[in-house]
């Protein structure tokens, strides 16, 4: 992929993410259940953030989805949202 194609892909992805996430309200924050994590092929259970428009975010260890992932924050006392395992 040429640099220009990569830049276009990044810009298009950013526009779509902005359209889907900006101004949305968080409806729910919870850890995935053991069964939900296993459906994704994961041993660990990440946090899932669900917005009122139905969009869900859950961190992964890499862009191939090989395992659940932790999330860094700037919240004092919760600098890392860890993965769980029931």
Protein backbone atom coordinates (compact mmCIF):
# COMPACT_ATOMS: atom_id res chain seq x y z
CA UNK A 1 0.00 0.00 0.00
CA UNK A 2 1.51 3.36 -0.98
CA UNK A 3 1.87 6.17 1.55
CA UNK A 4 -1.02 8.02 -0.09
CA UNK A 5 -3.30 4.97 0.13
CA UNK A 6 -2.37 4.51 3.79
CA UNK A 7 -3.07 8.17 4.53
CA UNK A 8 -6.46 7.95 2.80
CA UNK A 9 -7.34 4.84 4.80
CA UNK A 10 -6.37 6.55 8.10
CA UNK A 11 -8.36 9.66 7.23
CA UNK A 12 -11.45 7.65 6.22
CA UNK A 13 -11.24 5.55 9.38
CA UNK A 14 -10.87 8.65 11.55
CA UNK A 15 -13.88 10.32 9.89
CA UNK A 16 -16.04 7.24 10.45
CA UNK A 17 -14.93 6.92 14.09
CA UNK A 18 -15.70 10.59 14.67
CA UNK A 19 -19.12 10.21 13.08
CA UNK A 20 -19.92 7.13 15.18
CA UNK A 21 -18.44 8.23 18.54
CA UNK A 22 -18.37 12.01 18.94
CA UNK A 23 -21.29 13.27 21.00
CA UNK A 24 -22.50 9.78 21.92
CA UNK A 25 -23.39 8.90 25.49
CA UNK A 26 -21.95 5.90 27.26
CA UNK A 27 -24.79 3.52 28.10
CA UNK A 28 -22.90 0.73 29.85
CA UNK A 29 -19.42 -0.23 31.06
CA UNK A 30 -18.79 -3.83 32.06
CA UNK A 31 -16.34 -6.69 31.75
CA UNK A 32 -17.21 -9.30 29.15
CA UNK A 33 -18.42 -12.55 30.60
CA UNK A 34 -16.17 -15.61 30.40
CA UNK A 35 -18.44 -17.01 27.67
CA UNK A 36 -18.38 -13.79 25.63
CA UNK A 37 -14.58 -13.66 25.81
CA UNK A 38 -14.31 -17.30 24.76
CA UNK A 39 -16.57 -16.60 21.75
CA UNK A 40 -13.86 -14.17 20.59
CA UNK A 41 -11.18 -16.80 21.21
CA UNK A 42 -9.88 -14.97 24.29
CA UNK A 43 -8.85 -16.35 27.66
CA UNK A 44 -9.05 -12.93 29.38
CA UNK A 45 -12.13 -10.72 29.69
CA UNK A 46 -11.68 -7.06 28.70
CA UNK A 47 -13.84 -4.13 29.67
CA UNK A 48 -16.56 -3.29 27.13
CA UNK A 49 -17.93 0.21 26.64
CA UNK A 50 -21.34 0.41 24.97
CA UNK A 51 -22.78 3.66 23.62
CA UNK A 52 -26.45 4.59 23.22
CA UNK A 53 -26.16 4.19 19.42
CA UNK A 54 -25.16 0.52 19.89
CA UNK A 55 -21.45 0.96 19.16
CA UNK A 56 -19.29 -1.20 21.45
CA UNK A 57 -15.59 -0.86 22.20
CA UNK A 58 -13.45 -3.58 23.79
CA UNK A 59 -9.63 -3.43 23.85
CA UNK A 60 -7.61 -6.16 22.17
CA UNK A 61 -3.94 -7.05 22.56
CA UNK A 62 -3.30 -6.41 18.86
CA UNK A 63 -5.11 -5.56 15.64
CA UNK A 64 -5.58 -9.25 14.83
CA UNK A 65 -7.68 -9.78 17.96
CA UNK A 66 -5.40 -12.48 19.38
CA UNK A 67 -6.34 -11.72 23.01
CA UNK A 68 -8.22 -9.21 25.15
CA UNK A 69 -6.27 -6.12 26.16
CA UNK A 70 -5.90 -3.64 28.98
CA UNK A 71 -6.56 0.08 28.52
CA UNK A 72 -4.51 3.03 29.78
CA UNK A 73 -6.40 5.94 31.41
CA UNK A 74 -5.69 9.28 33.04
CA UNK A 75 -8.01 8.45 35.96
CA UNK A 76 -6.16 8.82 39.27
CA UNK A 77 -6.10 5.44 40.99
CA UNK A 78 -7.18 3.56 37.84
CA UNK A 79 -4.29 4.27 35.47
CA UNK A 80 -4.85 0.91 33.79
CA UNK A 81 -8.17 -0.82 33.17
CA UNK A 82 -7.03 -4.40 33.54
CA UNK A 83 -8.31 -7.60 31.93
CA UNK A 84 -10.28 -9.98 34.10
CA UNK A 85 -10.68 -13.75 34.27
CA UNK A 86 -13.59 -15.41 36.05
